[in-house]
Amino acid sequence: MENTIEKWEFKINPWITMMPVMLSIFMFALDETISNVALPYMAGTFSISHNESTWIITSYLVASGVIIPMVDFFSKLIGRKQYFILSIVIFTVSSVLCGLANSMGMMLIARIIQGIGGGGIMPIAQAVIFEIFPKEKLPQAMAVFGLGVIMAPILGPTVGGWITENWSWPFIYFINIPFGILCLYLTQKYVEEPPYSRKQENVKMDFSGFFFLAVWLLSLQVVLDKGNDADWFGAPWICKLFTVSVISFFAFIYIQRKKSKTGDSLINLSIFKNHNFLIGTGGQIVLMMVLMSSAAILPSMLQSLLGYTSFLSGLSMLPRGLGCFVASFLSGMLVVKFGIKPTCTLGLVTLAAGGLLFGQINTNIALANIAIPNFVFGAGMVLSMVTLSNISCATLPNEAQTNASGVQNLFKNVGAAIGTSIATTMIARFSQAHQMMMVKSLTDTNQAFVERVHAISSAFISQVDPATAIHMAQGQIYGLLRQQAVLWGYVETFRYYAVAVILILPFVYFLQDNTRKEQKKNA
């Protein structure tokens, strides 16, 4: 088998093979966020509350999270290329079902099926890219890969908002149909199947591992989704469900370590013995927390504080996409010239700078005022995420790429869910803290407050009696105070993004970078 692996050479130009791979990645990643701005419309269609509508997003993430670790098993069971094609078919067909859904139950079932199909796309696509390109060309390939992975979730709210306002929400799913069909055709024609990725005999299913994986992810997602509303561990049912999640997690890890010795596990955790993979995956988890949570809270901030429409709030993410686009071209050149670690450092510093720039916003901003922070944020995200993705798997053999990609994407999905929940909680808690601090100034001993009350009440005095006018003025000032407190909640959260990113920096220099050696060898 080892000789076959060493002798195998890909015959099709890798950049041609990249076409169906990138198209599939873009579809999957786009659907992670395209529903965000359409949730109010779907809630109205299904006659449900906004909190209940978030399950439309959650069900997709949980289903894809459960299926990701099983990618290696299904690839061995039916062959990796066949499983990739099957995943695209399931994703495309379920997209039709999502658009046709006329009840919340039908929508949840369709989104779960869509997540099952989408979960197989990302790990296989990433593994294929690492295999088809020689080491010296991998930085440029990973730059294109990163563009799709990062830019698609960023464009999701913009695309979803425009489609929802100009057509209707079902079309955010129907647009997958032509792309899915094209992707199927190109995959069948241009994606090759090396010997080590073909169907294998006597493949066993790890049912116990799958059970504990599903229980762990499902219970964790419910805790993360409902924890803030239920006051987290102040609610007994949250404590119990979190306990179930923790126990299931450790049971899953134990089973995987035990069964990996016989080769029957869903995922092979021995991959974490690889120094680069361990550090690179940890860094990407933090970056996914920042990426997905920031993509969720920024449109929400613009809609709740500034009254933006779903389309305009989605449009605010376009500069971030432009930053991603520019950085994707720079990434390959910078890695070739300076190496991965300096490029990653530049990306992390740039991303932190974007977080600090967002920490300077106020309620008087226009849409153009968040363009620069968004551009910087997007550029930093690509430069750091692409380089970490590259270096984390660069020292692994080709036959380990499918398993490594599955493991990495599993923990990145979990990181994205945790990050979004933490950001929501931080905004709520910081807003409360700032409101408590500022409300102390609303007293009759504060001359500025008294003068402001009299100035505002004079506008009402012709319509109501003096006491009511003063009461209305105080209410208006309190409303402004609450708005400022919520703004500070967002501002503080963005600043903590910068802190989280900076904490990754020291670990970058523990990574082993063979890029320059490969370049000199092939020069």
Protein backbone atom coordinates (compact mmCIF):
# COMPACT_ATOMS: atom_id res chain seq x y z
CA MET A 1 0.00 0.00 0.00
CA GLU A 2 2.82 2.42 0.93
CA ASN A 3 4.52 1.88 -2.45
CA THR A 4 1.23 2.58 -4.23
CA ILE A 5 0.85 5.80 -2.29
CA GLU A 6 4.36 6.93 -3.11
CA LYS A 7 4.04 6.16 -6.84
CA TRP A 8 0.63 7.76 -7.31
CA GLU A 9 0.70 11.01 -9.26
CA PHE A 10 -2.25 13.26 -10.05
CA LYS A 11 -2.68 13.66 -13.80
CA ILE A 12 -5.16 16.56 -13.95
CA ASN A 13 -3.94 20.11 -13.44
CA PRO A 14 -4.59 20.83 -9.73
CA TRP A 15 -6.04 24.27 -10.48
CA ILE A 16 -8.71 22.60 -12.64
CA THR A 17 -9.49 20.16 -9.83
CA MET A 18 -9.85 23.17 -7.52
CA MET A 19 -12.94 24.39 -9.43
CA PRO A 20 -15.51 21.84 -8.13
CA VAL A 21 -13.77 21.69 -4.77
CA MET A 22 -14.01 25.45 -4.21
CA LEU A 23 -17.56 25.61 -5.55
CA SER A 24 -18.68 22.97 -3.04
CA ILE A 25 -16.85 24.74 -0.19
CA PHE A 26 -18.47 28.05 -1.08
CA MET A 27 -21.97 26.53 -1.09
CA PHE A 28 -21.48 24.85 2.29
CA ALA A 29 -19.86 27.86 4.01
CA LEU A 30 -22.39 30.32 2.55
CA ASP A 31 -25.30 28.39 4.06
CA GLU A 32 -23.78 28.71 7.54
CA THR A 33 -24.77 32.39 7.65
CA ILE A 34 -27.13 33.07 4.72
CA SER A 35 -30.16 32.35 6.94
CA ASN A 36 -29.15 34.82 9.66
CA VAL A 37 -30.83 37.96 8.29
CA ALA A 38 -33.86 36.02 6.99
CA LEU A 39 -34.82 34.58 10.39
CA PRO A 40 -37.48 37.28 11.13
CA TYR A 41 -39.19 36.52 7.80
CA MET A 42 -39.10 32.76 8.41
CA ALA A 43 -40.37 33.25 11.97
CA GLY A 44 -43.36 35.12 10.50
CA THR A 45 -44.00 32.41 7.90
CA PHE A 46 -43.96 29.60 10.48
CA SER A 47 -45.67 31.66 13.25
CA ILE A 48 -42.86 31.14 15.74
CA SER A 49 -40.81 33.43 18.00
CA HIS A 50 -37.36 34.77 17.07
CA ASN A 51 -35.71 32.53 19.69
CA GLU A 52 -37.39 29.47 18.20
CA SER A 53 -36.27 30.49 14.70
CA THR A 54 -32.59 30.23 15.73
CA TRP A 55 -33.01 26.45 15.58
CA ILE A 56 -32.98 26.84 11.81
CA ILE A 57 -29.30 27.75 12.13
CA THR A 58 -28.55 25.46 15.07
CA SER A 59 -29.95 22.31 13.45
CA TYR A 60 -27.68 22.82 10.43
CA LEU A 61 -24.56 23.35 12.56
CA VAL A 62 -25.26 20.38 14.84
CA ALA A 63 -25.97 18.00 11.94
CA SER A 64 -22.82 19.01 10.07
CA GLY A 65 -20.82 18.82 13.32
CA VAL A 66 -21.97 15.25 13.97
CA ILE A 67 -21.23 14.07 10.43
CA ILE A 68 -17.76 15.68 10.10
CA PRO A 69 -15.94 13.06 12.26
CA MET A 70 -17.59 10.30 10.24
CA VAL A 71 -16.12 11.50 6.95
CA ASP A 72 -13.12 9.19 7.20
CA PHE A 73 -15.38 6.19 7.92
CA PHE A 74 -17.73 6.86 4.98
CA SER A 75 -14.76 7.54 2.70
CA LYS A 76 -13.41 4.07 3.50
CA LEU A 77 -16.85 2.48 3.26
CA ILE A 78 -17.85 3.69 -0.22
CA GLY A 79 -14.75 5.53 -1.48
CA ARG A 80 -13.90 9.17 -0.87
CA LYS A 81 -14.89 10.51 -4.29
CA GLN A 82 -18.21 8.64 -4.19
CA TYR A 83 -18.92 10.00 -0.72
CA PHE A 84 -18.03 13.53 -1.85
CA ILE A 85 -20.50 13.23 -4.73
CA LEU A 86 -23.16 11.78 -2.41
CA SER A 87 -22.66 14.70 0.00
CA ILE A 88 -23.20 17.23 -2.79
CA VAL A 89 -26.36 15.40 -3.93
CA ILE A 90 -27.79 15.34 -0.39
CA PHE A 91 -26.91 19.01 0.13
CA THR A 92 -28.54 20.10 -3.14
CA VAL A 93 -31.73 18.04 -2.73
CA SER A 94 -32.16 19.17 0.88
CA SER A 95 -31.76 22.79 -0.25
CA VAL A 96 -34.88 22.29 -2.38
CA LEU A 97 -36.70 20.87 0.66
CA CYS A 98 -35.67 23.89 2.75
CA GLY A 99 -37.13 26.26 0.18
CA LEU A 100 -40.37 24.25 -0.02
CA ALA A 101 -40.81 23.97 3.78
CA ASN A 102 -44.23 25.17 4.97
CA SER A 103 -43.80 24.40 8.68
CA MET A 104 -41.07 24.64 11.29
CA GLY A 105 -40.92 20.85 11.61
CA MET A 106 -40.34 20.38 7.88
CA MET A 107 -37.73 23.15 7.88
CA LEU A 108 -35.79 21.55 10.76
CA ILE A 109 -35.79 18.15 9.06
CA ALA A 110 -34.62 19.70 5.79
CA ARG A 111 -31.86 21.69 7.54
CA ILE A 112 -30.66 18.59 9.40
CA ILE A 113 -30.43 16.69 6.10
CA GLN A 114 -28.64 19.67 4.55
CA GLY A 115 -26.16 19.66 7.43
CA ILE A 116 -25.57 15.94 6.96
CA GLY A 117 -24.74 16.55 3.30
CA GLY A 118 -22.68 19.66 3.98
CA GLY A 119 -20.68 18.03 6.77
CA GLY A 120 -18.93 15.76 4.28
CA ILE A 121 -17.94 18.56 1.92
CA MET A 122 -15.44 20.68 3.86
CA PRO A 123 -13.11 17.94 5.23
CA ILE A 124 -12.86 16.13 1.90
CA ALA A 125 -12.30 19.36 -0.02
CA GLN A 126 -9.51 20.39 2.35
CA ALA A 127 -7.88 16.96 2.14
CA VAL A 128 -8.01 16.99 -1.68
CA ILE A 129 -6.31 20.40 -1.85
CA PHE A 130 -3.46 19.26 0.39
CA GLU A 131 -2.92 16.21 -1.81
CA ILE A 132 -3.09 17.61 -5.35
CA PHE A 133 -0.64 20.49 -4.89
CA PRO A 134 3.10 20.09 -4.38
CA LYS A 135 4.42 21.57 -1.13
CA GLU A 136 5.95 24.62 -2.81
CA LYS A 137 2.61 25.61 -4.42
CA LEU A 138 0.47 24.87 -1.39
CA PRO A 139 0.55 28.44 0.04
CA GLN A 140 -1.08 29.85 -3.12
CA ALA A 141 -3.65 27.03 -3.14
CA MET A 142 -4.48 27.52 0.53
CA ALA A 143 -4.92 31.25 -0.09
CA VAL A 144 -7.68 30.44 -2.59
CA PHE A 145 -9.10 27.85 -0.18
CA GLY A 146 -9.12 30.40 2.63
CA LEU A 147 -10.88 32.92 0.41
CA GLY A 148 -13.80 30.54 -0.02
CA VAL A 149 -13.92 29.35 3.60
CA ILE A 150 -13.82 32.84 5.11
CA MET A 151 -15.47 34.96 2.45
CA ALA A 152 -18.57 32.77 2.03
CA PRO A 153 -19.82 33.19 5.65
CA ILE A 154 -19.09 36.92 5.38
CA LEU A 155 -21.08 37.27 2.16
CA GLY A 156 -23.91 35.12 3.55
CA PRO A 157 -25.81 37.94 5.32
CA THR A 158 -25.40 40.25 2.30
CA VAL A 159 -26.64 37.67 -0.21
CA GLY A 160 -29.38 36.49 2.15
CA GLY A 161 -30.57 40.02 2.85
CA TRP A 162 -30.71 41.00 -0.82
CA ILE A 163 -32.52 37.83 -1.89
CA THR A 164 -34.99 38.04 1.01
CA GLU A 165 -35.94 41.66 0.34
CA ASN A 166 -36.08 41.42 -3.47
CA TRP A 167 -37.55 37.92 -3.87
CA SER A 168 -38.44 35.88 -0.77
CA TRP A 169 -36.58 33.78 1.77
CA PRO A 170 -37.03 30.35 0.03
CA PHE A 171 -34.71 31.55 -2.74
CA ILE A 172 -31.75 31.70 -0.34
CA TYR A 173 -31.90 27.90 -0.58
CA PHE A 174 -33.02 27.54 -4.20
CA ILE A 175 -29.84 29.27 -5.43
CA ASN A 176 -27.92 26.13 -4.43
CA ILE A 177 -29.64 24.06 -7.14
CA PRO A 178 -27.74 25.24 -10.27
CA PHE A 179 -24.44 25.41 -8.39
CA GLY A 180 -24.97 21.94 -6.95
CA ILE A 181 -25.64 20.46 -10.40
CA LEU A 182 -22.56 22.17 -11.86
CA CYS A 183 -20.47 20.99 -8.92
CA LEU A 184 -21.59 17.39 -9.46
CA TYR A 185 -20.60 17.48 -13.13
CA LEU A 186 -17.17 19.02 -12.47
CA THR A 187 -16.44 16.67 -9.57
CA GLN A 188 -17.21 13.59 -11.64
CA LYS A 189 -14.98 14.84 -14.44
CA TYR A 190 -12.01 16.49 -12.71
CA VAL A 191 -11.59 15.09 -9.19
CA GLU A 192 -9.27 12.06 -9.20
CA GLU A 193 -9.32 9.17 -6.75
CA PRO A 194 -5.89 8.00 -5.48
CA PRO A 195 -5.59 4.37 -4.28
CA TYR A 196 -5.57 5.22 -0.55
CA SER A 197 -8.92 7.05 -0.85
CA ARG A 198 -10.82 4.23 -2.53
CA LYS A 199 -13.33 1.82 -1.02
CA GLN A 200 -11.85 -0.50 1.60
CA GLU A 201 -12.96 -3.91 2.81
CA ASN A 202 -14.11 -4.85 6.33
CA VAL A 203 -14.80 -1.30 7.46
CA LYS A 204 -16.54 -1.22 10.85
CA MET A 205 -18.91 1.42 12.17
CA ASP A 206 -18.16 2.88 15.61
CA PHE A 207 -21.76 3.03 16.88
CA SER A 208 -20.88 3.82 20.50
CA GLY A 209 -18.57 6.64 19.42
CA PHE A 210 -21.27 8.05 17.13
CA PHE A 211 -23.85 7.92 19.92
CA PHE A 212 -21.73 9.86 22.41
CA LEU A 213 -20.64 12.31 19.71
CA ALA A 214 -24.26 13.09 18.83
CA VAL A 215 -25.30 13.46 22.49
CA TRP A 216 -22.27 15.67 23.23
CA LEU A 217 -22.84 18.07 20.32
CA LEU A 218 -26.64 18.22 20.60
CA SER A 219 -26.66 18.88 24.36
CA LEU A 220 -23.80 21.40 24.05
CA GLN A 221 -25.61 23.30 21.29
CA VAL A 222 -28.82 23.53 23.34
CA VAL A 223 -26.82 24.82 26.33
CA LEU A 224 -25.08 27.41 24.17
CA ASP A 225 -28.29 28.51 22.43
CA LYS A 226 -30.50 28.76 25.52
CA GLY A 227 -27.94 29.36 28.28
CA ASN A 228 -27.97 33.16 28.13
CA ASP A 229 -31.79 33.35 28.20
CA ALA A 230 -31.91 30.91 31.13
CA ASP A 231 -29.17 32.71 33.16
CA TRP A 232 -26.69 29.92 32.43
CA PHE A 233 -25.85 27.82 35.48
CA GLY A 234 -28.46 29.63 37.53
CA ALA A 235 -30.96 27.30 35.83
CA PRO A 236 -30.94 23.67 37.11
CA TRP A 237 -31.83 22.23 33.69
CA ILE A 238 -28.82 23.98 32.12
CA CYS A 239 -26.56 22.45 34.80
CA LYS A 240 -27.96 18.97 34.15
CA LEU A 241 -27.71 19.26 30.37
CA PHE A 242 -24.17 20.62 30.60
CA THR A 243 -23.22 17.66 32.80
CA VAL A 244 -24.61 15.30 30.16
CA SER A 245 -22.57 17.14 27.51
CA VAL A 246 -19.32 16.92 29.50
CA ILE A 247 -19.79 13.23 30.33
CA SER A 248 -20.62 12.46 26.68
CA PHE A 249 -17.52 14.36 25.52
CA PHE A 250 -15.15 12.42 27.77
CA ALA A 251 -16.89 9.13 26.88
CA PHE A 252 -16.43 9.95 23.18
CA ILE A 253 -12.73 10.77 23.67
CA TYR A 254 -12.18 7.59 25.71
CA ILE A 255 -13.86 5.39 23.09
CA GLN A 256 -11.93 7.01 20.25
CA ARG A 257 -8.57 6.51 21.99
CA LYS A 258 -9.43 2.89 22.79
CA LYS A 259 -10.73 1.97 19.34
CA SER A 260 -8.02 3.86 17.42
CA LYS A 261 -5.61 1.08 18.37
CA THR A 262 -7.66 -1.36 16.29
CA GLY A 263 -8.50 1.17 13.56
CA ASP A 264 -12.25 1.06 14.28
CA SER A 265 -12.68 4.61 15.67
CA LEU A 266 -14.61 7.41 14.00
CA ILE A 267 -11.58 9.68 14.26
CA ASN A 268 -7.95 8.95 15.06
CA LEU A 269 -6.95 11.27 17.91
CA SER A 270 -3.30 10.25 17.62
CA ILE A 271 -3.14 12.98 14.98
CA PHE A 272 -2.78 15.44 17.88
CA LYS A 273 0.67 14.02 18.56
CA ASN A 274 1.74 16.02 15.54
CA HIS A 275 3.14 19.25 16.98
CA ASN A 276 1.99 21.50 14.13
CA PHE A 277 -1.48 20.00 13.97
CA LEU A 278 -2.10 20.49 17.70
CA ILE A 279 -1.06 24.15 17.80
CA GLY A 280 -2.51 25.01 14.38
CA THR A 281 -5.89 23.50 15.23
CA GLY A 282 -6.00 25.33 18.57
CA GLY A 283 -5.29 28.63 16.82
CA GLN A 284 -7.96 27.99 14.20
CA ILE A 285 -10.55 27.23 16.89
CA VAL A 286 -9.99 30.69 18.39
CA LEU A 287 -10.11 32.31 14.95
CA MET A 288 -13.38 30.53 14.11
CA MET A 289 -14.84 31.78 17.40
CA VAL A 290 -13.94 35.33 16.36
CA LEU A 291 -15.01 34.93 12.71
CA MET A 292 -18.45 33.41 13.22
CA SER A 293 -19.43 35.41 16.30
CA SER A 294 -18.39 38.73 14.74
CA ALA A 295 -20.32 37.86 11.58
CA ALA A 296 -23.40 37.30 13.74
CA ILE A 297 -23.22 40.30 16.10
CA LEU A 298 -22.27 43.08 13.67
CA PRO A 299 -25.47 42.91 11.52
CA SER A 300 -27.44 42.45 14.75
CA MET A 301 -25.89 45.62 16.20
CA LEU A 302 -26.70 47.66 13.10
CA GLN A 303 -30.32 46.45 13.04
CA SER A 304 -31.03 46.87 16.76
CA LEU A 305 -29.16 50.13 17.45
CA LEU A 306 -29.27 51.98 14.13
CA GLY A 307 -32.45 50.59 12.55
CA TYR A 308 -30.77 49.15 9.44
CA THR A 309 -32.74 46.82 7.19
CA SER A 310 -31.66 43.19 6.76
CA PHE A 311 -30.12 44.06 3.39
CA LEU A 312 -28.17 47.08 4.65
CA SER A 313 -26.91 45.20 7.69
CA GLY A 314 -25.77 42.40 5.40
CA LEU A 315 -24.23 44.93 3.03
CA SER A 316 -22.06 46.15 5.89
CA MET A 317 -20.11 42.89 5.63
CA LEU A 318 -19.00 43.53 2.03
CA PRO A 319 -15.84 45.50 2.97
CA ARG A 320 -14.80 42.49 5.04
CA GLY A 321 -15.20 40.35 1.94
CA LEU A 322 -13.08 42.81 -0.02
CA GLY A 323 -10.40 42.58 2.66
CA CYS A 324 -10.49 38.79 2.35
CA PHE A 325 -10.21 39.03 -1.43
CA VAL A 326 -7.16 41.33 -1.31
CA ALA A 327 -5.46 39.33 1.44
CA SER A 328 -5.94 36.04 -0.44
CA PHE A 329 -3.67 37.34 -3.20
CA LEU A 330 -1.15 38.81 -0.77
CA SER A 331 -1.05 35.65 1.35
CA GLY A 332 0.60 33.43 -1.25
CA MET A 333 3.21 36.05 -2.16
CA LEU A 334 4.04 36.86 1.47
CA VAL A 335 4.46 33.19 2.40
CA VAL A 336 6.79 32.63 -0.54
CA LYS A 337 8.86 35.71 0.30
CA PHE A 338 8.91 35.66 4.11
CA GLY A 339 7.59 32.27 5.23
CA ILE A 340 4.45 31.15 7.03
CA LYS A 341 5.20 32.35 10.58
CA PRO A 342 5.91 36.01 9.71
CA THR A 343 2.82 36.07 7.46
CA CYS A 344 0.67 34.54 10.19
CA THR A 345 2.02 37.10 12.69
CA LEU A 346 1.10 39.93 10.32
CA GLY A 347 -2.38 38.46 9.93
CA LEU A 348 -2.97 38.15 13.69
CA VAL A 349 -1.75 41.70 14.35
CA THR A 350 -3.96 43.01 11.52
CA LEU A 351 -6.97 41.09 12.86
CA ALA A 352 -6.37 42.45 16.37
CA ALA A 353 -6.15 45.96 14.92
CA GLY A 354 -9.54 45.41 13.25
CA GLY A 355 -11.03 44.44 16.62
CA LEU A 356 -9.62 47.58 18.25
CA LEU A 357 -10.96 49.76 15.41
CA PHE A 358 -14.42 48.30 15.98
CA GLY A 359 -13.91 49.23 19.63
CA GLN A 360 -14.05 52.93 18.63
CA ILE A 361 -17.52 52.98 17.02
CA ASN A 362 -20.47 55.04 18.28
CA THR A 363 -24.17 55.51 17.48
CA ASN A 364 -23.48 58.38 15.08
CA ILE A 365 -21.64 56.22 12.56
CA ALA A 366 -22.73 55.81 8.95
CA LEU A 367 -22.38 52.60 6.96
CA ALA A 368 -19.13 53.95 5.50
CA ASN A 369 -17.62 54.38 8.99
CA ILE A 370 -17.42 50.64 9.57
CA ALA A 371 -15.96 49.91 6.13
CA ILE A 372 -12.32 50.38 7.19
CA PRO A 373 -12.53 48.25 10.38
CA ASN A 374 -14.35 45.57 8.39
CA PHE A 375 -11.74 45.62 5.61
CA VAL A 376 -8.90 45.32 8.13
CA PHE A 377 -10.75 42.55 9.97
CA GLY A 378 -11.27 40.54 6.78
CA ALA A 379 -7.67 40.94 5.60
CA GLY A 380 -6.29 39.85 8.97
CA MET A 381 -8.62 36.85 9.11
CA VAL A 382 -7.45 35.47 5.76
CA LEU A 383 -3.74 36.07 6.42
CA SER A 384 -3.89 34.29 9.77
CA MET A 385 -6.43 31.53 9.04
CA VAL A 386 -4.90 30.47 5.73
CA THR A 387 -1.37 30.24 7.09
CA LEU A 388 -2.47 28.31 10.18
CA SER A 389 -4.49 25.89 8.00
CA ASN A 390 -1.46 25.41 5.78
CA ILE A 391 1.12 24.80 8.47
CA SER A 392 -1.14 22.63 10.67
CA CYS A 393 -1.45 19.88 8.06
CA ALA A 394 1.73 20.44 6.03
CA THR A 395 3.78 17.87 7.95
CA LEU A 396 1.15 15.10 7.69
CA PRO A 397 1.26 12.31 5.07
CA ASN A 398 -1.40 12.34 2.34
CA GLU A 399 -3.21 9.27 3.69
CA ALA A 400 -3.77 11.07 7.02
CA GLN A 401 -5.29 14.21 5.47
CA THR A 402 -8.94 13.07 5.41
CA ASN A 403 -8.91 12.11 9.10
CA ALA A 404 -6.96 15.26 10.05
CA SER A 405 -9.35 17.51 8.15
CA GLY A 406 -12.36 15.85 9.78
CA VAL A 407 -10.94 16.24 13.28
CA GLN A 408 -9.93 19.85 12.63
CA ASN A 409 -13.30 20.87 11.19
CA LEU A 410 -15.15 19.17 14.07
CA PHE A 411 -13.39 21.28 16.68
CA LYS A 412 -13.61 24.42 14.54
CA ASN A 413 -17.40 23.93 14.34
CA VAL A 414 -17.58 23.57 18.12
CA GLY A 415 -15.39 26.67 18.48
CA ALA A 416 -17.72 28.67 16.21
CA ALA A 417 -20.77 27.67 18.28
CA ILE A 418 -19.05 28.46 21.60
CA GLY A 419 -17.70 31.77 20.28
CA THR A 420 -21.12 32.97 19.13
CA SER A 421 -22.68 32.07 22.48
CA ILE A 422 -19.88 33.74 24.46
CA ALA A 423 -20.18 36.91 22.36
CA THR A 424 -23.95 37.08 22.96
CA THR A 425 -23.44 36.65 26.70
CA MET A 426 -20.64 39.23 26.80
CA ILE A 427 -22.80 41.81 25.06
CA ALA A 428 -25.65 41.24 27.53
CA ARG A 429 -23.41 41.33 30.62
CA PHE A 430 -21.30 44.29 29.51
CA SER A 431 -24.46 46.23 28.62
CA GLN A 432 -25.87 45.61 32.09
CA ALA A 433 -22.61 46.65 33.75
CA HIS A 434 -22.37 49.90 31.78
CA GLN A 435 -26.03 50.69 32.38
CA MET A 436 -25.51 50.31 36.13
CA MET A 437 -22.48 52.62 35.98
CA MET A 438 -24.17 55.30 33.89
CA VAL A 439 -27.53 55.31 35.67
CA LYS A 440 -25.78 56.70 38.77
CA SER A 441 -25.44 59.99 36.88
CA LEU A 442 -29.20 60.37 36.42
CA THR A 443 -29.81 62.19 39.70
CA ASP A 444 -30.98 65.66 40.67
CA THR A 445 -27.52 66.38 42.09
CA ASN A 446 -26.04 66.14 38.59
CA GLN A 447 -26.33 69.65 37.11
CA ALA A 448 -25.80 68.42 33.52
CA PHE A 449 -28.66 65.91 33.89
CA VAL A 450 -31.01 68.54 35.38
CA GLU A 451 -30.27 71.00 32.56
CA ARG A 452 -30.81 68.29 29.95
CA VAL A 453 -34.16 67.32 31.48
CA HIS A 454 -35.37 70.93 31.43
CA ALA A 455 -34.19 71.40 27.82
CA ILE A 456 -36.08 68.33 26.61
CA SER A 457 -39.18 68.90 28.75
CA SER A 458 -39.61 72.38 27.27
CA ALA A 459 -40.42 70.71 23.94
CA PHE A 460 -43.32 68.80 25.57
CA ILE A 461 -44.67 71.56 27.82
CA SER A 462 -47.12 72.84 25.18
CA GLN A 463 -48.72 69.38 24.88
CA VAL A 464 -48.82 68.11 28.48
CA ASP A 465 -48.59 69.39 32.05
CA PRO A 466 -45.13 70.21 33.51
CA ALA A 467 -44.89 67.04 35.65
CA THR A 468 -45.66 64.79 32.67
CA ALA A 469 -43.25 66.74 30.46
CA ILE A 470 -40.43 66.19 32.96
CA HIS A 471 -41.34 62.50 33.22
CA MET A 472 -41.26 62.16 29.41
CA ALA A 473 -37.90 63.94 29.24
CA GLN A 474 -36.43 61.62 31.87
CA GLY A 475 -37.75 58.62 29.93
CA GLN A 476 -36.14 59.87 26.73
CA ILE A 477 -32.79 60.35 28.47
CA TYR A 478 -33.03 56.89 30.01
CA GLY A 479 -33.72 55.45 26.55
CA LEU A 480 -30.54 57.10 25.25
CA LEU A 481 -28.65 55.73 28.24
CA ARG A 482 -29.81 52.18 27.49
CA GLN A 483 -28.81 52.60 23.86
CA GLN A 484 -25.33 53.74 24.90
CA ALA A 485 -25.05 50.84 27.36
CA VAL A 486 -25.87 48.31 24.64
CA LEU A 487 -23.38 50.00 22.32
CA TRP A 488 -20.71 49.64 25.00
CA GLY A 489 -21.58 45.94 25.23
CA TYR A 490 -20.70 45.54 21.56
CA VAL A 491 -17.62 47.77 21.84
CA GLU A 492 -16.19 45.78 24.76
CA THR A 493 -16.84 42.50 22.93
CA PHE A 494 -14.96 43.67 19.84
CA ARG A 495 -12.04 44.72 22.03
CA TYR A 496 -11.92 41.26 23.59
CA TYR A 497 -11.64 39.82 20.08
CA ALA A 498 -8.35 41.70 19.80
CA VAL A 499 -7.18 40.26 23.12
CA ALA A 500 -8.09 36.68 22.10
CA VAL A 501 -6.20 37.01 18.81
CA ILE A 502 -3.08 38.47 20.46
CA LEU A 503 -2.99 35.49 22.85
CA ILE A 504 -2.43 33.19 19.85
CA LEU A 505 0.70 35.06 18.74
CA PRO A 506 3.32 33.42 21.03
CA PHE A 507 2.26 29.93 19.95
CA VAL A 508 2.96 30.69 16.28
CA TYR A 509 6.69 30.58 16.95
CA PHE A 510 6.47 27.02 18.30
CA LEU A 511 5.36 25.81 14.86
CA GLN A 512 7.71 24.06 12.46
CA ASP A 513 7.83 25.85 9.11
CA ASN A 514 9.25 23.79 6.25
CA THR A 515 8.00 26.14 3.53
CA ARG A 516 11.31 27.88 2.92
CA LYS A 517 13.16 24.55 2.84
CA GLU A 518 10.79 23.21 0.20
CA GLN A 519 11.22 26.37 -1.88
CA LYS A 520 15.01 26.19 -1.75
CA LYS A 521 14.92 22.48 -2.58
CA ASN A 522 12.78 23.11 -5.68
CA ALA A 523 14.64 26.28 -6.72
